[in-house]
Amino acid sequence: MTLPDHEEISMPEKKIEKSAGQCLCKVLVRARDDGRLVCGVFDSASRLTTRPEEVMVCVLPETAPADITTSMQHKLIEAYCLENDIQVIKIKNSEKMGILLNKDAQLKSEMDNPVTTPTLDTSCVLVEWPPKPHINKHEHRLLDFIWSKQVTQLDLPI
């Protein structure tokens, strides 16, 4: 008889993860609409070295074990974020984040110019702080989940 390698997640933990995932979806979409996302490893690294105090959270998708280059880039960004007190969330499914962030942008682009549809690079996403009076309840709630260490890895519910 063999035992499973991982522990089963209890129902309250699943509910917390789902709720945190929903918050993250809303925060990502709002930040995208407000122009507060920095997408891609290179742009994220540039922002982190020049203005880390403007970053609220770093979202990193899981990498395939065979993808050593991306894994190393993510480890370096994660270490830099932790050194600068920037919260890091890991996403279990990077395709869902791509769908979420590119959905509305793709529709708008297709209406404007059906030939080119730019997509956001979701290999690493930084969410910048909103202006002080404009922090919404979803951003507060997501940070509460992270700071209480209830979530560090999420699946987006889309």
N, C-alpha and C. Protein backbone atom coordinates (compact mmCIF):
# COMPACT_ATOMS: atom_id res chain seq x y z
N MET A 1 0.84 -1.17 0.00
CA MET A 1 0.00 0.00 0.00
C MET A 1 0.89 1.24 0.00
N THR A 2 0.57 2.17 -0.88
CA THR A 2 1.35 3.40 -0.95
C THR A 2 0.51 4.57 -0.46
N LEU A 3 1.18 5.52 0.13
CA LEU A 3 0.51 6.72 0.62
C LEU A 3 0.69 7.85 -0.38
N PRO A 4 -0.26 8.76 -0.46
CA PRO A 4 -0.11 9.88 -1.39
C PRO A 4 1.06 10.78 -0.96
N ASP A 5 1.69 11.40 -1.97
CA ASP A 5 2.83 12.27 -1.71
C ASP A 5 2.42 13.60 -1.10
N HIS A 6 1.19 13.99 -1.28
CA HIS A 6 0.75 15.28 -0.77
C HIS A 6 -0.47 15.10 0.13
N GLU A 7 -0.64 16.08 1.00
CA GLU A 7 -1.79 16.03 1.88
C GLU A 7 -3.01 16.59 1.15
N GLU A 8 -4.16 16.07 1.47
CA GLU A 8 -5.39 16.59 0.90
C GLU A 8 -5.68 17.95 1.51
N ILE A 9 -6.16 18.86 0.70
CA ILE A 9 -6.52 20.18 1.19
C ILE A 9 -7.91 20.10 1.79
N SER A 10 -8.06 20.62 2.98
CA SER A 10 -9.37 20.59 3.63
C SER A 10 -10.30 21.60 2.96
N MET A 11 -11.58 21.46 3.21
CA MET A 11 -12.58 22.34 2.59
C MET A 11 -12.34 23.81 2.89
N PRO A 12 -12.07 24.20 4.14
CA PRO A 12 -11.84 25.64 4.37
C PRO A 12 -10.66 26.18 3.56
N GLU A 13 -9.61 25.39 3.41
CA GLU A 13 -8.46 25.83 2.63
C GLU A 13 -8.82 25.98 1.16
N LYS A 14 -9.66 25.08 0.64
CA LYS A 14 -10.11 25.20 -0.75
C LYS A 14 -10.93 26.45 -0.94
N LYS A 15 -11.79 26.76 0.02
CA LYS A 15 -12.61 27.97 -0.07
C LYS A 15 -11.74 29.22 -0.01
N ILE A 16 -10.74 29.21 0.86
CA ILE A 16 -9.82 30.34 0.96
C ILE A 16 -9.08 30.52 -0.36
N GLU A 17 -8.60 29.42 -0.94
CA GLU A 17 -7.86 29.50 -2.20
C GLU A 17 -8.76 30.03 -3.32
N LYS A 18 -10.01 29.56 -3.38
CA LYS A 18 -10.92 30.02 -4.42
C LYS A 18 -11.21 31.50 -4.24
N SER A 19 -11.47 31.93 -3.02
CA SER A 19 -11.75 33.33 -2.74
C SER A 19 -10.54 34.21 -3.07
N ALA A 20 -9.36 33.75 -2.71
CA ALA A 20 -8.14 34.50 -3.02
C ALA A 20 -7.92 34.54 -4.53
N GLY A 21 -8.21 33.45 -5.21
CA GLY A 21 -8.08 33.41 -6.66
C GLY A 21 -9.03 34.39 -7.34
N GLN A 22 -10.25 34.48 -6.83
CA GLN A 22 -11.21 35.43 -7.38
C GLN A 22 -10.74 36.87 -7.15
N CYS A 23 -10.20 37.13 -5.96
CA CYS A 23 -9.65 38.47 -5.67
C CYS A 23 -8.51 38.80 -6.62
N LEU A 24 -7.63 37.84 -6.81
CA LEU A 24 -6.49 38.07 -7.70
C LEU A 24 -6.96 38.37 -9.12
N CYS A 25 -7.96 37.63 -9.61
CA CYS A 25 -8.50 37.90 -10.95
C CYS A 25 -8.98 39.35 -11.05
N LYS A 26 -9.74 39.79 -10.06
CA LYS A 26 -10.28 41.16 -10.08
C LYS A 26 -9.17 42.20 -9.98
N VAL A 27 -8.16 41.92 -9.16
CA VAL A 27 -7.04 42.85 -9.02
C VAL A 27 -6.26 42.94 -10.33
N LEU A 28 -6.01 41.80 -10.98
CA LEU A 28 -5.26 41.80 -12.24
C LEU A 28 -6.01 42.55 -13.34
N VAL A 29 -7.30 42.32 -13.46
CA VAL A 29 -8.08 43.00 -14.50
C VAL A 29 -8.14 44.50 -14.24
N ARG A 30 -8.36 44.89 -12.99
CA ARG A 30 -8.41 46.32 -12.67
C ARG A 30 -7.05 46.98 -12.93
N ALA A 31 -5.98 46.31 -12.52
CA ALA A 31 -4.64 46.86 -12.73
C ALA A 31 -4.34 46.98 -14.22
N ARG A 32 -4.76 45.98 -14.99
CA ARG A 32 -4.56 46.05 -16.45
C ARG A 32 -5.32 47.23 -17.03
N ASP A 33 -6.57 47.41 -16.62
CA ASP A 33 -7.39 48.51 -17.14
C ASP A 33 -6.84 49.87 -16.71
N ASP A 34 -6.22 49.93 -15.52
CA ASP A 34 -5.65 51.18 -15.02
C ASP A 34 -4.22 51.43 -15.52
N GLY A 35 -3.65 50.47 -16.25
CA GLY A 35 -2.27 50.63 -16.74
C GLY A 35 -1.23 50.42 -15.65
N ARG A 36 -1.55 49.57 -14.66
CA ARG A 36 -0.64 49.34 -13.54
C ARG A 36 0.01 47.97 -13.58
N LEU A 37 0.02 47.32 -14.74
CA LEU A 37 0.69 46.02 -14.87
C LEU A 37 2.02 46.18 -15.58
N VAL A 38 3.00 45.45 -15.12
CA VAL A 38 4.27 45.34 -15.82
C VAL A 38 4.38 43.87 -16.19
N CYS A 39 4.42 43.59 -17.49
CA CYS A 39 4.37 42.20 -17.96
C CYS A 39 5.68 41.79 -18.62
N GLY A 40 6.07 40.54 -18.37
CA GLY A 40 7.27 39.99 -18.96
C GLY A 40 8.44 40.03 -17.99
N VAL A 41 9.33 39.07 -18.13
CA VAL A 41 10.46 38.96 -17.22
C VAL A 41 11.40 40.15 -17.34
N PHE A 42 11.74 40.55 -18.56
CA PHE A 42 12.69 41.64 -18.75
C PHE A 42 12.14 42.96 -18.21
N ASP A 43 10.90 43.30 -18.58
CA ASP A 43 10.30 44.55 -18.10
C ASP A 43 10.12 44.53 -16.58
N SER A 44 9.77 43.37 -16.04
CA SER A 44 9.60 43.25 -14.59
C SER A 44 10.93 43.46 -13.87
N ALA A 45 11.98 42.83 -14.39
CA ALA A 45 13.30 43.00 -13.78
C ALA A 45 13.74 44.46 -13.83
N SER A 46 13.46 45.13 -14.94
CA SER A 46 13.81 46.55 -15.08
C SER A 46 13.07 47.39 -14.05
N ARG A 47 11.77 47.13 -13.90
CA ARG A 47 10.97 47.90 -12.93
C ARG A 47 11.44 47.63 -11.50
N LEU A 48 11.75 46.38 -11.21
CA LEU A 48 12.19 46.03 -9.86
C LEU A 48 13.51 46.70 -9.49
N THR A 49 14.38 46.88 -10.46
CA THR A 49 15.67 47.50 -10.15
C THR A 49 15.57 49.02 -10.07
N THR A 50 14.58 49.61 -10.75
CA THR A 50 14.48 51.08 -10.75
C THR A 50 13.49 51.61 -9.72
N ARG A 51 12.31 50.95 -9.58
CA ARG A 51 11.28 51.47 -8.67
C ARG A 51 10.55 50.33 -7.95
N PRO A 52 11.23 49.58 -7.11
CA PRO A 52 10.56 48.47 -6.43
C PRO A 52 9.48 48.92 -5.45
N GLU A 53 9.57 50.14 -4.96
CA GLU A 53 8.57 50.62 -3.99
C GLU A 53 7.19 50.81 -4.61
N GLU A 54 7.11 50.82 -5.93
CA GLU A 54 5.82 50.99 -6.62
C GLU A 54 5.10 49.67 -6.85
N VAL A 55 5.74 48.55 -6.52
CA VAL A 55 5.17 47.23 -6.82
C VAL A 55 4.43 46.69 -5.60
N MET A 56 3.16 46.33 -5.80
CA MET A 56 2.32 45.78 -4.74
C MET A 56 2.51 44.27 -4.63
N VAL A 57 2.50 43.58 -5.77
CA VAL A 57 2.59 42.12 -5.76
C VAL A 57 3.20 41.64 -7.07
N CYS A 58 3.90 40.53 -6.99
CA CYS A 58 4.50 39.89 -8.16
C CYS A 58 3.78 38.57 -8.38
N VAL A 59 3.32 38.33 -9.61
CA VAL A 59 2.61 37.10 -9.95
C VAL A 59 3.46 36.30 -10.92
N LEU A 60 3.83 35.10 -10.48
CA LEU A 60 4.67 34.21 -11.29
C LEU A 60 3.92 32.92 -11.59
N PRO A 61 3.84 32.53 -12.86
CA PRO A 61 3.23 31.24 -13.17
C PRO A 61 4.22 30.11 -12.89
N GLU A 62 3.67 28.93 -12.60
CA GLU A 62 4.55 27.77 -12.41
C GLU A 62 5.29 27.49 -13.71
N THR A 63 6.50 27.01 -13.58
CA THR A 63 7.28 26.65 -14.76
C THR A 63 7.41 25.14 -14.84
N ALA A 64 7.59 24.67 -16.06
CA ALA A 64 7.80 23.24 -16.27
C ALA A 64 9.17 22.87 -15.72
N PRO A 65 9.31 21.70 -15.09
CA PRO A 65 10.60 21.31 -14.52
C PRO A 65 11.73 21.29 -15.55
N ALA A 66 11.40 21.03 -16.80
CA ALA A 66 12.42 20.97 -17.84
C ALA A 66 12.85 22.34 -18.34
N ASP A 67 12.10 23.39 -18.02
CA ASP A 67 12.39 24.74 -18.48
C ASP A 67 13.31 25.43 -17.47
N ILE A 68 14.59 25.11 -17.53
CA ILE A 68 15.56 25.58 -16.55
C ILE A 68 15.77 27.10 -16.64
N THR A 69 15.80 27.64 -17.84
CA THR A 69 16.03 29.08 -18.01
C THR A 69 14.94 29.91 -17.34
N THR A 70 13.70 29.58 -17.63
CA THR A 70 12.59 30.32 -17.03
C THR A 70 12.55 30.12 -15.53
N SER A 71 12.84 28.90 -15.09
CA SER A 71 12.86 28.61 -13.66
C SER A 71 13.89 29.46 -12.94
N MET A 72 15.06 29.61 -13.52
CA MET A 72 16.11 30.44 -12.91
C MET A 72 15.72 31.91 -12.91
N GLN A 73 15.10 32.39 -14.00
CA GLN A 73 14.65 33.77 -14.05
C GLN A 73 13.62 34.04 -12.94
N HIS A 74 12.69 33.10 -12.78
CA HIS A 74 11.66 33.25 -11.75
C HIS A 74 12.27 33.24 -10.36
N LYS A 75 13.24 32.36 -10.13
CA LYS A 75 13.88 32.31 -8.81
C LYS A 75 14.59 33.63 -8.50
N LEU A 76 15.26 34.21 -9.48
CA LEU A 76 15.94 35.48 -9.27
C LEU A 76 14.96 36.62 -9.01
N ILE A 77 13.87 36.66 -9.77
CA ILE A 77 12.86 37.69 -9.55
C ILE A 77 12.21 37.51 -8.19
N GLU A 78 11.90 36.26 -7.84
CA GLU A 78 11.29 35.98 -6.53
C GLU A 78 12.21 36.42 -5.40
N ALA A 79 13.49 36.12 -5.51
CA ALA A 79 14.45 36.51 -4.48
C ALA A 79 14.54 38.03 -4.37
N TYR A 80 14.55 38.70 -5.50
CA TYR A 80 14.62 40.16 -5.49
C TYR A 80 13.36 40.75 -4.85
N CYS A 81 12.21 40.17 -5.17
CA CYS A 81 10.95 40.64 -4.57
C CYS A 81 10.96 40.45 -3.06
N LEU A 82 11.36 39.28 -2.62
CA LEU A 82 11.37 39.01 -1.19
C LEU A 82 12.35 39.94 -0.46
N GLU A 83 13.47 40.23 -1.10
CA GLU A 83 14.46 41.14 -0.52
C GLU A 83 13.89 42.56 -0.37
N ASN A 84 12.97 42.92 -1.26
CA ASN A 84 12.38 44.26 -1.25
C ASN A 84 10.97 44.28 -0.65
N ASP A 85 10.62 43.25 0.10
CA ASP A 85 9.31 43.14 0.76
C ASP A 85 8.14 43.24 -0.20
N ILE A 86 8.29 42.66 -1.37
CA ILE A 86 7.21 42.58 -2.35
C ILE A 86 6.63 41.18 -2.27
N GLN A 87 5.32 41.10 -2.11
CA GLN A 87 4.65 39.80 -1.99
C GLN A 87 4.67 39.07 -3.32
N VAL A 88 4.85 37.75 -3.28
CA VAL A 88 4.92 36.92 -4.48
C VAL A 88 3.79 35.89 -4.42
N ILE A 89 3.05 35.79 -5.52
CA ILE A 89 2.02 34.77 -5.67
C ILE A 89 2.37 33.92 -6.86
N LYS A 90 2.29 32.62 -6.69
CA LYS A 90 2.54 31.70 -7.80
C LYS A 90 1.21 31.18 -8.32
N ILE A 91 1.08 31.18 -9.62
CA ILE A 91 -0.13 30.74 -10.30
C ILE A 91 0.08 29.33 -10.83
N LYS A 92 -0.88 28.45 -10.56
CA LYS A 92 -0.76 27.06 -10.98
C LYS A 92 -0.91 26.87 -12.48
N ASN A 93 -1.67 27.73 -13.16
CA ASN A 93 -1.93 27.55 -14.58
C ASN A 93 -1.71 28.86 -15.32
N SER A 94 -0.59 28.96 -16.01
CA SER A 94 -0.25 30.22 -16.68
C SER A 94 -1.18 30.52 -17.84
N GLU A 95 -1.77 29.50 -18.46
CA GLU A 95 -2.68 29.74 -19.58
C GLU A 95 -3.90 30.53 -19.13
N LYS A 96 -4.40 30.25 -17.92
CA LYS A 96 -5.56 30.98 -17.41
C LYS A 96 -5.23 32.45 -17.22
N MET A 97 -4.03 32.75 -16.74
CA MET A 97 -3.65 34.15 -16.56
C MET A 97 -3.56 34.84 -17.92
N GLY A 98 -3.02 34.15 -18.91
CA GLY A 98 -2.95 34.72 -20.25
C GLY A 98 -4.33 34.99 -20.82
N ILE A 99 -5.24 34.06 -20.63
CA ILE A 99 -6.62 34.25 -21.11
C ILE A 99 -7.25 35.44 -20.40
N LEU A 100 -7.09 35.51 -19.10
CA LEU A 100 -7.69 36.59 -18.31
C LEU A 100 -7.17 37.96 -18.74
N LEU A 101 -5.87 38.09 -18.88
CA LEU A 101 -5.28 39.40 -19.16
C LEU A 101 -5.38 39.80 -20.62
N ASN A 102 -5.46 38.84 -21.51
CA ASN A 102 -5.48 39.16 -22.94
C ASN A 102 -6.88 39.19 -23.54
N LYS A 103 -7.88 38.70 -22.82
CA LYS A 103 -9.23 38.57 -23.38
C LYS A 103 -9.78 39.91 -23.89
N ASP A 104 -9.90 40.90 -23.02
CA ASP A 104 -10.49 42.17 -23.43
C ASP A 104 -9.57 42.95 -24.36
N ALA A 105 -8.26 42.86 -24.13
CA ALA A 105 -7.31 43.57 -24.99
C ALA A 105 -7.39 43.03 -26.41
N GLN A 106 -7.56 41.73 -26.55
CA GLN A 106 -7.64 41.11 -27.87
C GLN A 106 -8.92 41.53 -28.58
N LEU A 107 -10.04 41.57 -27.87
CA LEU A 107 -11.30 41.99 -28.49
C LEU A 107 -11.22 43.43 -28.97
N LYS A 108 -10.67 44.32 -28.15
CA LYS A 108 -10.54 45.72 -28.53
C LYS A 108 -9.62 45.87 -29.73
N SER A 109 -8.50 45.13 -29.72
CA SER A 109 -7.54 45.21 -30.82
C SER A 109 -8.15 44.69 -32.12
N GLU A 110 -8.95 43.63 -32.03
CA GLU A 110 -9.57 43.08 -33.23
C GLU A 110 -10.55 44.07 -33.85
N MET A 111 -11.22 44.87 -33.02
CA MET A 111 -12.13 45.89 -33.54
C MET A 111 -11.35 47.02 -34.20
N ASP A 112 -10.25 47.42 -33.56
CA ASP A 112 -9.44 48.52 -34.09
C ASP A 112 -8.66 48.11 -35.32
N ASN A 113 -8.00 46.98 -35.24
CA ASN A 113 -7.16 46.50 -36.33
C ASN A 113 -7.14 44.97 -36.29
N PRO A 114 -7.96 44.33 -37.11
CA PRO A 114 -8.08 42.87 -37.03
C PRO A 114 -6.82 42.11 -37.42
N VAL A 115 -5.83 42.76 -38.01
CA VAL A 115 -4.63 42.06 -38.44
C VAL A 115 -3.68 41.79 -37.28
N THR A 116 -3.51 42.78 -36.40
CA THR A 116 -2.58 42.62 -35.28
C THR A 116 -3.34 42.56 -33.96
N THR A 117 -3.07 41.54 -33.20
CA THR A 117 -3.66 41.42 -31.87
C THR A 117 -2.54 41.22 -30.86
N PRO A 118 -2.08 42.31 -30.25
CA PRO A 118 -0.99 42.17 -29.28
C PRO A 118 -1.44 41.40 -28.05
N THR A 119 -0.55 40.61 -27.52
CA THR A 119 -0.86 39.88 -26.30
C THR A 119 0.15 40.26 -25.23
N LEU A 120 -0.31 40.25 -24.00
CA LEU A 120 0.57 40.57 -22.88
C LEU A 120 1.41 39.34 -22.54
N ASP A 121 2.67 39.55 -22.24
CA ASP A 121 3.57 38.48 -21.81
C ASP A 121 3.28 38.18 -20.35
N THR A 122 2.78 36.99 -20.07
CA THR A 122 2.40 36.64 -18.70
C THR A 122 3.43 35.74 -18.02
N SER A 123 4.68 35.77 -18.51
CA SER A 123 5.73 34.96 -17.87
C SER A 123 6.08 35.50 -16.49
N CYS A 124 5.81 36.77 -16.25
CA CYS A 124 5.96 37.41 -14.94
C CYS A 124 5.12 38.67 -15.00
N VAL A 125 4.31 38.90 -13.97
CA VAL A 125 3.45 40.08 -13.96
C VAL A 125 3.61 40.79 -12.62
N LEU A 126 3.93 42.08 -12.69
CA LEU A 126 3.99 42.92 -11.50
C LEU A 126 2.75 43.79 -11.47
N VAL A 127 2.13 43.89 -10.32
CA VAL A 127 0.99 44.78 -10.12
C VAL A 127 1.48 45.95 -9.28
N GLU A 128 1.37 47.14 -9.84
CA GLU A 128 1.81 48.33 -9.12
C GLU A 128 0.71 48.79 -8.16
N TRP A 129 1.12 49.51 -7.13
CA TRP A 129 0.17 50.07 -6.17
C TRP A 129 -0.71 51.08 -6.87
N PRO A 130 -2.00 51.09 -6.56
CA PRO A 130 -2.86 52.15 -7.09
C PRO A 130 -2.61 53.44 -6.30
N PRO A 131 -3.08 54.57 -6.81
CA PRO A 131 -2.98 55.79 -6.01
C PRO A 131 -3.67 55.58 -4.66
N LYS A 132 -3.12 56.13 -3.59
CA LYS A 132 -3.57 55.88 -2.22
C LYS A 132 -5.09 55.82 -2.01
N PRO A 133 -5.85 56.83 -2.40
CA PRO A 133 -7.28 56.74 -2.07
C PRO A 133 -8.05 55.74 -2.93
N HIS A 134 -7.39 55.14 -3.92
CA HIS A 134 -8.10 54.28 -4.86
C HIS A 134 -7.87 52.79 -4.65
N ILE A 135 -7.31 52.39 -3.51
CA ILE A 135 -7.14 50.97 -3.23
C ILE A 135 -8.52 50.40 -2.95
N ASN A 136 -8.90 49.34 -3.70
CA ASN A 136 -10.25 48.81 -3.54
C ASN A 136 -10.28 47.62 -2.60
N LYS A 137 -11.48 47.14 -2.33
CA LYS A 137 -11.64 46.05 -1.35
C LYS A 137 -10.98 44.76 -1.81
N HIS A 138 -10.91 44.51 -3.12
CA HIS A 138 -10.29 43.28 -3.61
C HIS A 138 -8.78 43.31 -3.39
N GLU A 139 -8.17 44.48 -3.57
CA GLU A 139 -6.74 44.60 -3.33
C GLU A 139 -6.44 44.43 -1.84
N HIS A 140 -7.24 45.04 -0.99
CA HIS A 140 -7.07 44.86 0.46
C HIS A 140 -7.22 43.39 0.85
N ARG A 141 -8.24 42.76 0.32
CA ARG A 141 -8.52 41.36 0.67
C ARG A 141 -7.41 40.43 0.19
N LEU A 142 -6.92 40.66 -1.03
CA LEU A 142 -5.82 39.84 -1.56
C LEU A 142 -4.58 39.99 -0.68
N LEU A 143 -4.26 41.21 -0.30
CA LEU A 143 -3.09 41.43 0.55
C LEU A 143 -3.29 40.80 1.93
N ASP A 144 -4.51 40.82 2.43
CA ASP A 144 -4.79 40.14 3.70
C ASP A 144 -4.52 38.64 3.60
N PHE A 145 -4.96 38.03 2.48
CA PHE A 145 -4.71 36.60 2.26
C PHE A 145 -3.21 36.32 2.23
N ILE A 146 -2.47 37.17 1.54
CA ILE A 146 -1.02 36.96 1.40
C ILE A 146 -0.31 37.19 2.72
N TRP A 147 -0.59 38.30 3.37
CA TRP A 147 0.11 38.65 4.61
C TRP A 147 -0.18 37.66 5.72
N SER A 148 -1.36 37.07 5.72
CA SER A 148 -1.69 36.08 6.74
C SER A 148 -1.12 34.71 6.38
N LYS A 149 -0.42 34.64 5.26
CA LYS A 149 0.22 33.40 4.77
C LYS A 149 -0.80 32.30 4.50
N GLN A 150 -2.05 32.69 4.20
CA GLN A 150 -3.05 31.70 3.87
C GLN A 150 -2.89 31.20 2.44
N VAL A 151 -2.33 32.03 1.58
CA VAL A 151 -2.11 31.61 0.19
C VAL A 151 -0.75 32.07 -0.29
N THR A 152 -0.09 31.24 -1.03
CA THR A 152 1.12 31.60 -1.74
C THR A 152 1.07 31.06 -3.17
N GLN A 153 0.15 30.12 -3.39
CA GLN A 153 -0.01 29.52 -4.70
C GLN A 153 -1.50 29.39 -4.99
N LEU A 154 -1.91 29.85 -6.18
CA LEU A 154 -3.32 29.91 -6.50
C LEU A 154 -3.62 29.31 -7.86
N ASP A 155 -4.87 28.94 -8.03
CA ASP A 155 -5.40 28.57 -9.32
C ASP A 155 -6.46 29.62 -9.65
N LEU A 156 -6.36 30.24 -10.80
CA LEU A 156 -7.33 31.27 -11.15
C LEU A 156 -8.66 30.62 -11.54
N PRO A 157 -9.76 31.07 -10.96
CA PRO A 157 -11.06 30.46 -11.23
C PRO A 157 -11.74 31.03 -12.47
N ILE A 158 -11.11 30.86 -13.64
CA ILE A 158 -11.74 31.35 -14.87
C ILE A 158 -12.00 30.20 -15.80
